[in-house]
């Protein structure tokens, strides 16, 4: 008679291997979740970058803001034609109209006497003040990085989604809020 040997794992060995695979899966998934991008941080950094680039393009464009020693940079509110259109930009809304002309926006912007609002195609909702009276200090642009209609619409806290970006008449751009400074100094990965 021939004897057959059966080579197989015991039930205990199989359970130990399955348990080890489960533990490893939990550790890997946990690490991946913590390394996922923080969307608000990424969108704020994008908005800040767009603002920096757009402000630099505008303030350094001699056709839009020609040199005038008495009205430096954005303080020059002389009438100019918006590039690529038949529209003109002048007075208190000049900066806002020119800024909007450089971005891809959804729908029509709302331009009022004290502010203009618009949404870009990436879902960021922008609010810019108009007027040059307060430009001796700075103008503060607010951006709602997940859109105006989407909660939580907070200006502070862990889930903050509304941020402030300051622009100056000479073209400088900076931030002063704690979260804004933290986001610009750090990488876009959640801790």
N, C-alpha and C. Protein backbone atom coordinates (compact mmCIF):
# COMPACT_ATOMS: atom_id res chain seq x y z
N UNK A 1 0.80 -1.16 0.00
CA UNK A 1 0.00 0.00 0.00
C UNK A 1 0.86 1.25 0.00
N UNK A 2 0.41 2.22 -0.81
CA UNK A 2 1.13 3.49 -0.87
C UNK A 2 0.55 4.44 0.15
N UNK A 3 1.45 5.19 0.74
CA UNK A 3 1.04 6.20 1.70
C UNK A 3 1.16 7.58 1.07
N UNK A 4 0.09 8.37 1.14
CA UNK A 4 0.11 9.74 0.62
C UNK A 4 0.25 10.73 1.76
N UNK A 5 1.19 11.67 1.55
CA UNK A 5 1.34 12.74 2.53
C UNK A 5 0.61 13.97 2.02
N UNK A 6 -0.16 14.57 2.87
CA UNK A 6 -0.88 15.79 2.50
C UNK A 6 -0.16 16.96 3.15
N UNK A 7 0.30 17.86 2.29
CA UNK A 7 0.96 19.08 2.78
C UNK A 7 -0.05 20.22 2.74
N UNK A 8 -0.39 20.77 3.88
CA UNK A 8 -1.36 21.87 3.96
C UNK A 8 -1.11 22.66 5.23
N UNK A 9 -1.67 23.86 5.22
CA UNK A 9 -1.59 24.69 6.42
C UNK A 9 -2.68 24.27 7.39
N UNK A 10 -2.34 24.37 8.63
CA UNK A 10 -3.36 24.07 9.64
C UNK A 10 -4.27 25.29 9.77
N UNK A 11 -5.38 25.10 10.41
CA UNK A 11 -6.31 26.20 10.63
C UNK A 11 -5.65 27.30 11.46
N UNK A 12 -4.88 26.95 12.43
CA UNK A 12 -4.21 27.94 13.28
C UNK A 12 -3.21 28.76 12.47
N UNK A 13 -2.45 28.11 11.60
CA UNK A 13 -1.49 28.83 10.77
C UNK A 13 -2.21 29.80 9.82
N UNK A 14 -3.29 29.37 9.24
CA UNK A 14 -4.07 30.23 8.34
C UNK A 14 -4.62 31.44 9.07
N UNK A 15 -5.13 31.26 10.28
CA UNK A 15 -5.67 32.37 11.06
C UNK A 15 -4.58 33.37 11.44
N UNK A 16 -3.40 32.87 11.78
CA UNK A 16 -2.29 33.76 12.13
C UNK A 16 -1.89 34.61 10.92
N UNK A 17 -1.80 34.01 9.75
CA UNK A 17 -1.44 34.74 8.54
C UNK A 17 -2.50 35.78 8.20
N UNK A 18 -3.78 35.44 8.28
CA UNK A 18 -4.86 36.37 8.01
C UNK A 18 -4.86 37.53 8.99
N UNK A 19 -4.59 37.26 10.25
CA UNK A 19 -4.51 38.31 11.26
C UNK A 19 -3.36 39.27 10.95
N UNK A 20 -2.22 38.72 10.57
CA UNK A 20 -1.07 39.58 10.24
C UNK A 20 -1.37 40.44 9.01
N UNK A 21 -2.03 39.88 8.01
CA UNK A 21 -2.40 40.66 6.82
C UNK A 21 -3.38 41.76 7.20
N UNK A 22 -4.33 41.48 8.08
CA UNK A 22 -5.29 42.48 8.53
C UNK A 22 -4.61 43.63 9.26
N UNK A 23 -3.69 43.31 10.15
CA UNK A 23 -2.97 44.34 10.90
C UNK A 23 -2.16 45.21 9.95
N UNK A 24 -1.46 44.60 9.02
CA UNK A 24 -0.68 45.36 8.04
C UNK A 24 -1.59 46.25 7.18
N UNK A 25 -2.74 45.73 6.80
CA UNK A 25 -3.67 46.52 5.99
C UNK A 25 -4.16 47.73 6.77
N UNK A 26 -4.46 47.57 8.04
CA UNK A 26 -4.91 48.69 8.87
C UNK A 26 -3.81 49.75 8.98
N UNK A 27 -2.58 49.32 9.19
CA UNK A 27 -1.47 50.26 9.30
C UNK A 27 -1.24 51.03 7.99
N UNK A 28 -1.31 50.33 6.87
CA UNK A 28 -1.09 50.98 5.57
C UNK A 28 -2.22 51.95 5.26
N UNK A 29 -3.45 51.55 5.48
CA UNK A 29 -4.59 52.42 5.21
C UNK A 29 -4.54 53.66 6.10
N UNK A 30 -4.20 53.47 7.36
CA UNK A 30 -4.09 54.60 8.28
C UNK A 30 -3.01 55.58 7.82
N UNK A 31 -1.88 55.07 7.40
CA UNK A 31 -0.80 55.93 6.92
C UNK A 31 -1.21 56.67 5.65
N UNK A 32 -1.92 55.99 4.75
CA UNK A 32 -2.36 56.63 3.52
C UNK A 32 -3.38 57.73 3.79
N UNK A 33 -4.28 57.50 4.73
CA UNK A 33 -5.28 58.52 5.06
C UNK A 33 -4.64 59.76 5.65
N UNK A 34 -3.61 59.58 6.46
CA UNK A 34 -2.95 60.73 7.08
C UNK A 34 -2.03 61.45 6.10
N UNK A 35 -1.66 60.80 5.02
CA UNK A 35 -0.79 61.42 4.03
C UNK A 35 -1.58 61.99 2.86
N UNK A 36 -2.89 61.94 2.93
CA UNK A 36 -3.70 62.46 1.83
C UNK A 36 -3.65 63.99 1.83
N UNK A 37 -3.77 64.58 0.68
CA UNK A 37 -3.69 66.04 0.61
C UNK A 37 -4.84 66.72 1.36
N UNK A 38 -4.52 67.82 2.01
CA UNK A 38 -5.54 68.64 2.65
C UNK A 38 -6.05 69.58 1.56
N UNK A 39 -7.29 69.35 1.12
CA UNK A 39 -7.82 70.09 -0.03
C UNK A 39 -7.86 71.59 0.22
N UNK A 40 -8.27 72.03 1.41
CA UNK A 40 -8.32 73.47 1.69
C UNK A 40 -6.94 74.10 1.60
N UNK A 41 -5.94 73.40 2.11
CA UNK A 41 -4.57 73.91 2.05
C UNK A 41 -4.11 74.02 0.60
N UNK A 42 -4.35 72.99 -0.16
CA UNK A 42 -3.93 72.99 -1.57
C UNK A 42 -4.62 74.10 -2.35
N UNK A 43 -5.93 74.27 -2.12
CA UNK A 43 -6.67 75.30 -2.85
C UNK A 43 -6.25 76.71 -2.42
N UNK A 44 -5.96 76.89 -1.12
CA UNK A 44 -5.49 78.21 -0.68
C UNK A 44 -4.14 78.53 -1.31
N UNK A 45 -3.23 77.54 -1.32
CA UNK A 45 -1.92 77.78 -1.91
C UNK A 45 -2.06 78.11 -3.40
N UNK A 46 -3.02 77.47 -4.06
CA UNK A 46 -3.27 77.78 -5.47
C UNK A 46 -3.79 79.21 -5.62
N UNK A 47 -4.75 79.60 -4.77
CA UNK A 47 -5.31 80.96 -4.83
C UNK A 47 -4.22 81.99 -4.57
N UNK A 48 -3.35 81.72 -3.60
CA UNK A 48 -2.27 82.65 -3.29
C UNK A 48 -1.32 82.78 -4.47
N UNK A 49 -0.98 81.66 -5.08
CA UNK A 49 -0.09 81.67 -6.23
C UNK A 49 -0.71 82.43 -7.40
N UNK A 50 -1.99 82.21 -7.65
CA UNK A 50 -2.69 82.92 -8.73
C UNK A 50 -2.69 84.43 -8.44
N UNK A 51 -2.93 84.79 -7.19
CA UNK A 51 -2.94 86.21 -6.81
C UNK A 51 -1.57 86.83 -7.02
N UNK A 52 -0.53 86.17 -6.55
CA UNK A 52 0.84 86.68 -6.72
C UNK A 52 1.17 86.89 -8.19
N UNK A 53 0.89 85.88 -8.99
CA UNK A 53 1.21 85.94 -10.42
C UNK A 53 0.41 87.05 -11.11
N UNK A 54 -0.88 87.12 -10.84
CA UNK A 54 -1.75 88.09 -11.50
C UNK A 54 -1.39 89.52 -11.10
N UNK A 55 -1.16 89.74 -9.82
CA UNK A 55 -0.79 91.08 -9.34
C UNK A 55 0.54 91.51 -9.96
N UNK A 56 1.50 90.59 -10.02
CA UNK A 56 2.80 90.93 -10.63
C UNK A 56 2.65 91.27 -12.11
N UNK A 57 1.84 90.48 -12.83
CA UNK A 57 1.61 90.77 -14.24
C UNK A 57 0.98 92.15 -14.43
N UNK A 58 0.00 92.46 -13.61
CA UNK A 58 -0.71 93.73 -13.76
C UNK A 58 0.16 94.92 -13.41
N UNK A 59 0.79 94.89 -12.24
CA UNK A 59 1.55 96.06 -11.78
C UNK A 59 2.77 96.33 -12.66
N UNK A 60 3.27 95.29 -13.32
CA UNK A 60 4.45 95.46 -14.17
C UNK A 60 4.10 95.71 -15.64
N UNK A 61 2.82 95.79 -15.97
CA UNK A 61 2.39 96.05 -17.34
C UNK A 61 2.27 97.56 -17.54
N UNK A 62 3.23 98.13 -18.28
CA UNK A 62 3.29 99.59 -18.49
C UNK A 62 2.07 100.13 -19.25
N UNK A 63 1.41 99.28 -20.04
CA UNK A 63 0.23 99.77 -20.76
C UNK A 63 -0.97 99.90 -19.83
N UNK A 64 -1.02 99.06 -18.80
CA UNK A 64 -2.14 99.10 -17.85
C UNK A 64 -1.88 100.06 -16.69
N UNK A 65 -0.66 100.06 -16.21
CA UNK A 65 -0.27 100.93 -15.10
C UNK A 65 1.02 101.67 -15.45
N UNK A 66 0.90 102.69 -16.32
CA UNK A 66 2.10 103.44 -16.70
C UNK A 66 2.70 104.17 -15.50
N UNK A 67 3.99 104.36 -15.56
CA UNK A 67 4.69 105.01 -14.46
C UNK A 67 4.19 106.43 -14.26
N UNK A 68 3.89 106.76 -13.03
CA UNK A 68 3.49 108.11 -12.64
C UNK A 68 4.00 108.29 -11.21
N UNK A 69 4.97 109.18 -10.98
CA UNK A 69 5.57 109.31 -9.65
C UNK A 69 4.57 109.70 -8.56
N UNK A 70 3.44 110.27 -8.93
CA UNK A 70 2.45 110.66 -7.93
C UNK A 70 1.42 109.56 -7.65
N UNK A 71 1.26 108.63 -8.58
CA UNK A 71 0.29 107.54 -8.42
C UNK A 71 0.96 106.23 -8.80
N UNK A 72 1.73 105.70 -7.88
CA UNK A 72 2.53 104.51 -8.15
C UNK A 72 1.65 103.26 -8.14
N UNK A 73 1.93 102.36 -9.08
CA UNK A 73 1.26 101.06 -9.12
C UNK A 73 -0.24 101.17 -9.27
N UNK A 74 -0.95 100.46 -8.40
CA UNK A 74 -2.40 100.36 -8.51
C UNK A 74 -3.13 101.66 -8.14
N UNK A 75 -2.40 102.66 -7.66
CA UNK A 75 -3.04 103.94 -7.37
C UNK A 75 -3.36 104.70 -8.66
N UNK A 76 -2.74 104.26 -9.77
CA UNK A 76 -3.01 104.87 -11.06
C UNK A 76 -4.35 104.32 -11.58
N UNK A 77 -5.37 105.17 -11.57
CA UNK A 77 -6.71 104.70 -11.95
C UNK A 77 -7.14 105.25 -13.31
N UNK A 78 -6.16 105.70 -14.12
CA UNK A 78 -6.48 106.19 -15.46
C UNK A 78 -7.16 105.09 -16.27
N UNK A 79 -7.97 105.49 -17.21
CA UNK A 79 -8.71 104.56 -18.04
C UNK A 79 -7.77 103.79 -18.98
N UNK A 80 -7.97 102.47 -19.05
CA UNK A 80 -7.23 101.62 -19.98
C UNK A 80 -8.20 100.63 -20.61
N UNK A 81 -7.83 100.14 -21.78
CA UNK A 81 -8.63 99.10 -22.41
C UNK A 81 -8.18 97.76 -21.87
N UNK A 82 -9.15 96.91 -21.53
CA UNK A 82 -8.83 95.57 -21.03
C UNK A 82 -8.32 94.75 -22.21
N UNK A 83 -7.11 94.20 -22.10
CA UNK A 83 -6.52 93.46 -23.22
C UNK A 83 -7.45 92.36 -23.74
N UNK A 84 -7.57 92.28 -25.06
CA UNK A 84 -8.37 91.26 -25.70
C UNK A 84 -9.87 91.53 -25.72
N UNK A 85 -10.29 92.69 -25.24
CA UNK A 85 -11.71 93.02 -25.22
C UNK A 85 -11.91 94.47 -25.68
N UNK A 86 -13.16 94.83 -25.83
CA UNK A 86 -13.48 96.23 -26.15
C UNK A 86 -13.82 97.00 -24.88
N UNK A 87 -13.80 96.31 -23.73
CA UNK A 87 -14.15 96.92 -22.45
C UNK A 87 -13.01 97.79 -21.92
N UNK A 88 -13.39 98.74 -21.08
CA UNK A 88 -12.38 99.58 -20.44
C UNK A 88 -12.44 99.37 -18.93
N UNK A 89 -11.31 99.67 -18.31
CA UNK A 89 -11.22 99.62 -16.85
C UNK A 89 -10.75 100.99 -16.39
N UNK A 90 -11.42 101.51 -15.39
CA UNK A 90 -11.05 102.85 -14.91
C UNK A 90 -11.53 103.03 -13.48
N UNK A 91 -10.99 104.03 -12.86
CA UNK A 91 -11.45 104.43 -11.54
C UNK A 91 -11.29 103.35 -10.49
N UNK A 92 -12.23 103.34 -9.55
CA UNK A 92 -12.15 102.45 -8.40
C UNK A 92 -12.24 100.97 -8.74
N UNK A 93 -12.81 100.63 -9.89
CA UNK A 93 -12.97 99.22 -10.24
C UNK A 93 -11.91 98.73 -11.22
N UNK A 94 -10.93 99.57 -11.53
CA UNK A 94 -9.91 99.22 -12.52
C UNK A 94 -9.17 97.95 -12.15
N UNK A 95 -8.63 97.88 -10.94
CA UNK A 95 -7.86 96.71 -10.52
C UNK A 95 -8.72 95.46 -10.56
N UNK A 96 -9.92 95.54 -10.05
CA UNK A 96 -10.81 94.39 -10.01
C UNK A 96 -11.09 93.87 -11.42
N UNK A 97 -11.44 94.75 -12.33
CA UNK A 97 -11.76 94.34 -13.70
C UNK A 97 -10.54 93.73 -14.40
N UNK A 98 -9.37 94.33 -14.20
CA UNK A 98 -8.16 93.79 -14.82
C UNK A 98 -7.77 92.45 -14.20
N UNK A 99 -7.94 92.32 -12.89
CA UNK A 99 -7.64 91.07 -12.20
C UNK A 99 -8.53 89.95 -12.76
N UNK A 100 -9.82 90.23 -12.87
CA UNK A 100 -10.77 89.25 -13.40
C UNK A 100 -10.43 88.87 -14.83
N UNK A 101 -9.96 89.83 -15.62
CA UNK A 101 -9.65 89.54 -17.02
C UNK A 101 -8.52 88.53 -17.18
N UNK A 102 -7.73 88.34 -16.15
CA UNK A 102 -6.60 87.40 -16.20
C UNK A 102 -6.98 85.99 -15.76
N UNK A 103 -8.20 85.82 -15.23
CA UNK A 103 -8.60 84.52 -14.68
C UNK A 103 -9.71 83.88 -15.51
N UNK A 104 -9.88 82.59 -15.34
CA UNK A 104 -11.00 81.87 -15.94
C UNK A 104 -12.13 81.85 -14.93
N UNK A 105 -13.18 82.60 -15.20
CA UNK A 105 -14.27 82.69 -14.23
C UNK A 105 -15.53 82.04 -14.78
N UNK A 106 -16.40 81.67 -13.84
CA UNK A 106 -17.71 81.13 -14.17
C UNK A 106 -18.72 82.26 -14.13
N UNK A 107 -19.53 82.38 -15.13
CA UNK A 107 -20.57 83.40 -15.13
C UNK A 107 -20.01 84.80 -15.18
N UNK A 108 -20.86 85.74 -14.82
CA UNK A 108 -20.47 87.15 -14.82
C UNK A 108 -20.08 87.58 -13.40
N UNK A 109 -19.04 88.38 -13.28
CA UNK A 109 -18.68 88.89 -11.96
C UNK A 109 -19.71 89.92 -11.50
N UNK A 110 -19.81 90.08 -10.19
CA UNK A 110 -20.67 91.11 -9.62
C UNK A 110 -19.75 92.23 -9.15
N UNK A 111 -19.85 93.38 -9.82
CA UNK A 111 -18.97 94.51 -9.49
C UNK A 111 -19.84 95.62 -8.94
N UNK A 112 -19.63 95.91 -7.66
CA UNK A 112 -20.40 96.95 -6.98
C UNK A 112 -19.45 98.07 -6.56
N UNK A 113 -19.99 99.08 -5.90
CA UNK A 113 -19.17 100.23 -5.53
C UNK A 113 -18.12 99.90 -4.47
N UNK A 114 -18.36 98.89 -3.63
CA UNK A 114 -17.40 98.60 -2.57
C UNK A 114 -16.65 97.28 -2.74
N UNK A 115 -17.14 96.39 -3.61
CA UNK A 115 -16.45 95.12 -3.82
C UNK A 115 -16.90 94.46 -5.12
N UNK A 116 -16.07 93.52 -5.57
CA UNK A 116 -16.47 92.69 -6.70
C UNK A 116 -16.30 91.23 -6.28
N UNK A 117 -17.20 90.40 -6.74
CA UNK A 117 -17.17 88.99 -6.40
C UNK A 117 -17.28 88.17 -7.67
N UNK A 118 -16.62 87.03 -7.67
CA UNK A 118 -16.65 86.14 -8.82
C UNK A 118 -16.16 84.76 -8.40
N UNK A 119 -16.45 83.76 -9.23
CA UNK A 119 -16.02 82.39 -8.96
C UNK A 119 -15.18 81.92 -10.13
N UNK A 120 -14.04 81.32 -9.83
CA UNK A 120 -13.18 80.80 -10.88
C UNK A 120 -13.57 79.36 -11.19
N UNK A 121 -13.10 78.86 -12.31
CA UNK A 121 -13.49 77.53 -12.76
C UNK A 121 -13.03 76.41 -11.82
N UNK A 122 -12.08 76.70 -10.95
CA UNK A 122 -11.64 75.69 -9.99
C UNK A 122 -12.50 75.66 -8.73
N UNK A 123 -13.55 76.48 -8.69
CA UNK A 123 -14.49 76.47 -7.57
C UNK A 123 -14.17 77.46 -6.46
N UNK A 124 -13.15 78.27 -6.62
CA UNK A 124 -12.79 79.26 -5.59
C UNK A 124 -13.67 80.49 -5.77
N UNK A 125 -14.24 80.98 -4.67
CA UNK A 125 -15.09 82.17 -4.69
C UNK A 125 -14.26 83.34 -4.15
N UNK A 126 -14.10 84.38 -4.96
CA UNK A 126 -13.24 85.51 -4.66
C UNK A 126 -14.07 86.74 -4.32
N UNK A 127 -13.60 87.51 -3.33
CA UNK A 127 -14.18 88.81 -3.00
C UNK A 127 -13.04 89.81 -2.93
N UNK A 128 -13.12 90.83 -3.79
CA UNK A 128 -12.09 91.88 -3.83
C UNK A 128 -12.72 93.22 -3.53
N UNK A 129 -12.11 94.01 -2.68
CA UNK A 129 -12.62 95.37 -2.46
C UNK A 129 -12.28 96.25 -3.65
N UNK A 130 -13.11 97.23 -3.89
CA UNK A 130 -12.82 98.22 -4.93
C UNK A 130 -12.42 99.51 -4.23
N UNK A 131 -12.09 100.52 -5.00
CA UNK A 131 -11.72 101.80 -4.41
C UNK A 131 -10.24 101.88 -4.14
N UNK A 132 -9.71 103.10 -4.16
CA UNK A 132 -8.29 103.30 -3.87
C UNK A 132 -8.07 104.04 -2.56
N UNK A 133 -9.14 104.46 -1.90
CA UNK A 133 -9.00 105.24 -0.68
C UNK A 133 -8.20 104.51 0.39
N UNK A 134 -8.42 103.21 0.54
CA UNK A 134 -7.75 102.46 1.60
C UNK A 134 -6.47 101.79 1.10
N UNK A 135 -6.04 102.07 -0.13
CA UNK A 135 -4.87 101.39 -0.68
C UNK A 135 -3.57 101.87 -0.07
N UNK A 136 -3.58 102.97 0.67
CA UNK A 136 -2.37 103.40 1.35
C UNK A 136 -1.92 102.30 2.30
N UNK A 137 -2.87 101.61 2.89
CA UNK A 137 -2.55 100.47 3.75
C UNK A 137 -2.39 99.22 2.89
N UNK A 138 -3.50 98.62 2.55
CA UNK A 138 -3.52 97.41 1.72
C UNK A 138 -4.97 97.09 1.39
N UNK A 139 -5.15 96.25 0.43
CA UNK A 139 -6.47 95.70 0.12
C UNK A 139 -6.43 94.24 0.48
N UNK A 140 -7.53 93.73 1.00
CA UNK A 140 -7.59 92.33 1.38
C UNK A 140 -8.58 91.59 0.50
N UNK A 141 -8.06 90.62 -0.21
CA UNK A 141 -8.88 89.73 -1.02
C UNK A 141 -9.23 88.54 -0.15
N UNK A 142 -10.49 88.14 -0.14
CA UNK A 142 -10.86 86.91 0.57
C UNK A 142 -11.21 85.85 -0.46
N UNK A 143 -10.79 84.64 -0.16
CA UNK A 143 -11.08 83.51 -1.04
C UNK A 143 -11.75 82.41 -0.23
N UNK A 144 -12.87 81.93 -0.72
CA UNK A 144 -13.54 80.76 -0.14
C UNK A 144 -13.15 79.60 -1.03
N UNK A 145 -12.23 78.77 -0.56
CA UNK A 145 -11.59 77.78 -1.41
C UNK A 145 -12.49 76.63 -1.85
N UNK A 146 -13.62 76.45 -1.18
CA UNK A 146 -14.53 75.40 -1.62
C UNK A 146 -15.85 75.97 -2.14
N UNK A 147 -15.84 77.23 -2.50
CA UNK A 147 -17.03 77.86 -3.06
C UNK A 147 -17.91 78.48 -2.00
N UNK A 148 -18.63 79.49 -2.37
CA UNK A 148 -19.47 80.25 -1.45
C UNK A 148 -20.65 79.45 -0.93
N UNK A 149 -21.14 78.51 -1.72
CA UNK A 149 -22.34 77.75 -1.36
C UNK A 149 -22.04 76.52 -0.50
N UNK A 150 -20.77 76.15 -0.38
CA UNK A 150 -20.43 74.92 0.34
C UNK A 150 -19.95 75.22 1.75
N UNK A 151 -20.54 74.55 2.75
CA UNK A 151 -20.09 74.74 4.12
C UNK A 151 -18.69 74.19 4.30
N UNK A 152 -17.97 74.55 5.33
CA UNK A 152 -18.42 75.20 6.53
C UNK A 152 -18.36 76.72 6.48
N UNK A 153 -17.68 77.34 5.50
CA UNK A 153 -17.55 78.79 5.40
C UNK A 153 -17.05 79.42 6.70
N UNK A 154 -15.89 78.95 7.13
CA UNK A 154 -15.27 79.42 8.38
C UNK A 154 -14.00 80.21 8.09
N UNK A 155 -13.78 81.25 8.88
CA UNK A 155 -12.56 82.06 8.74
C UNK A 155 -11.50 81.70 9.77
N UNK A 156 -11.82 80.79 10.68
CA UNK A 156 -10.85 80.30 11.67
C UNK A 156 -11.14 78.83 11.96
N UNK A 157 -10.21 78.20 12.65
CA UNK A 157 -10.42 76.83 13.09
C UNK A 157 -9.83 75.80 12.16
N UNK A 158 -9.97 74.54 12.57
CA UNK A 158 -9.39 73.41 11.84
C UNK A 158 -9.98 73.27 10.44
N UNK A 159 -11.27 73.52 10.28
CA UNK A 159 -11.94 73.36 8.98
C UNK A 159 -12.04 74.67 8.21
N UNK A 160 -11.18 75.63 8.51
CA UNK A 160 -11.22 76.94 7.86
C UNK A 160 -11.16 76.77 6.35
N UNK A 161 -12.06 77.48 5.65
CA UNK A 161 -12.07 77.43 4.20
C UNK A 161 -12.14 78.83 3.57
N UNK A 162 -12.16 79.88 4.38
CA UNK A 162 -12.12 81.25 3.89
C UNK A 162 -10.82 81.88 4.38
N UNK A 163 -10.03 82.39 3.43
CA UNK A 163 -8.71 82.91 3.74
C UNK A 163 -8.55 84.32 3.19
N UNK A 164 -7.61 85.07 3.77
CA UNK A 164 -7.35 86.45 3.36
C UNK A 164 -5.97 86.57 2.74
N UNK A 165 -5.90 87.33 1.64
CA UNK A 165 -4.65 87.62 0.96
C UNK A 165 -4.57 89.13 0.80
N UNK A 166 -3.47 89.72 1.24
CA UNK A 166 -3.31 91.17 1.19
C UNK A 166 -2.51 91.56 -0.05
N UNK A 167 -2.98 92.61 -0.73
CA UNK A 167 -2.21 93.18 -1.83
C UNK A 167 -2.00 94.66 -1.55
N UNK A 168 -0.87 95.16 -2.01
CA UNK A 168 -0.49 96.56 -1.79
C UNK A 168 -0.40 97.28 -3.12
N UNK A 169 -0.48 98.59 -3.10
CA UNK A 169 -0.50 99.37 -4.33
C UNK A 169 0.76 99.19 -5.16
N UNK A 170 1.87 98.82 -4.53
CA UNK A 170 3.12 98.64 -5.27
C UNK A 170 3.29 97.21 -5.81
N UNK A 171 2.30 96.35 -5.59
CA UNK A 171 2.34 95.00 -6.13
C UNK A 171 2.77 93.92 -5.16
N UNK A 172 3.07 94.29 -3.93
CA UNK A 172 3.43 93.26 -2.95
C UNK A 172 2.19 92.45 -2.58
N UNK A 173 2.41 91.19 -2.23
CA UNK A 173 1.34 90.29 -1.81
C UNK A 173 1.83 89.56 -0.58
N UNK A 174 0.96 89.48 0.46
CA UNK A 174 1.33 88.69 1.63
C UNK A 174 0.07 88.27 2.38
N UNK A 175 0.27 87.56 3.48
CA UNK A 175 -0.82 87.13 4.35
C UNK A 175 -0.45 87.46 5.78
N UNK A 176 -1.46 87.51 6.66
CA UNK A 176 -1.17 87.77 8.06
C UNK A 176 -1.86 86.79 9.00
N UNK A 177 -2.81 86.03 8.52
CA UNK A 177 -3.53 85.08 9.36
C UNK A 177 -2.66 83.88 9.72
N UNK A 178 -2.90 83.32 10.91
CA UNK A 178 -2.11 82.18 11.39
C UNK A 178 -2.18 81.00 10.43
N UNK A 179 -3.38 80.63 10.03
CA UNK A 179 -3.58 79.47 9.17
C UNK A 179 -2.94 79.71 7.79
N UNK A 180 -3.10 80.93 7.27
CA UNK A 180 -2.52 81.26 5.97
C UNK A 180 -1.00 81.15 6.01
N UNK A 181 -0.40 81.68 7.06
CA UNK A 181 1.07 81.61 7.21
C UNK A 181 1.51 80.16 7.35
N UNK A 182 0.79 79.39 8.16
CA UNK A 182 1.10 77.97 8.35
C UNK A 182 1.03 77.23 7.02
N UNK A 183 -0.03 77.45 6.25
CA UNK A 183 -0.20 76.76 4.98
C UNK A 183 0.90 77.11 3.99
N UNK A 184 1.31 78.36 3.95
CA UNK A 184 2.34 78.75 3.00
C UNK A 184 3.72 78.25 3.39
N UNK A 185 3.94 78.01 4.68
CA UNK A 185 5.23 77.50 5.13
C UNK A 185 5.34 75.99 5.05
N UNK A 186 4.20 75.31 5.00
CA UNK A 186 4.22 73.85 5.04
C UNK A 186 3.94 73.24 3.69
N UNK A 187 4.14 71.93 3.65
CA UNK A 187 3.78 71.19 2.44
C UNK A 187 2.28 70.97 2.45
N UNK A 188 1.75 70.43 1.34
CA UNK A 188 0.31 70.27 1.18
C UNK A 188 -0.19 68.93 1.71
N UNK A 189 0.56 68.25 2.56
CA UNK A 189 0.13 66.97 3.09
C UNK A 189 -0.37 67.13 4.51
N UNK A 190 -1.52 66.54 4.80
CA UNK A 190 -2.11 66.61 6.14
C UNK A 190 -1.21 65.91 7.14
N UNK A 191 -1.09 66.48 8.33
CA UNK A 191 -0.23 65.90 9.38
C UNK A 191 -0.96 64.84 10.16
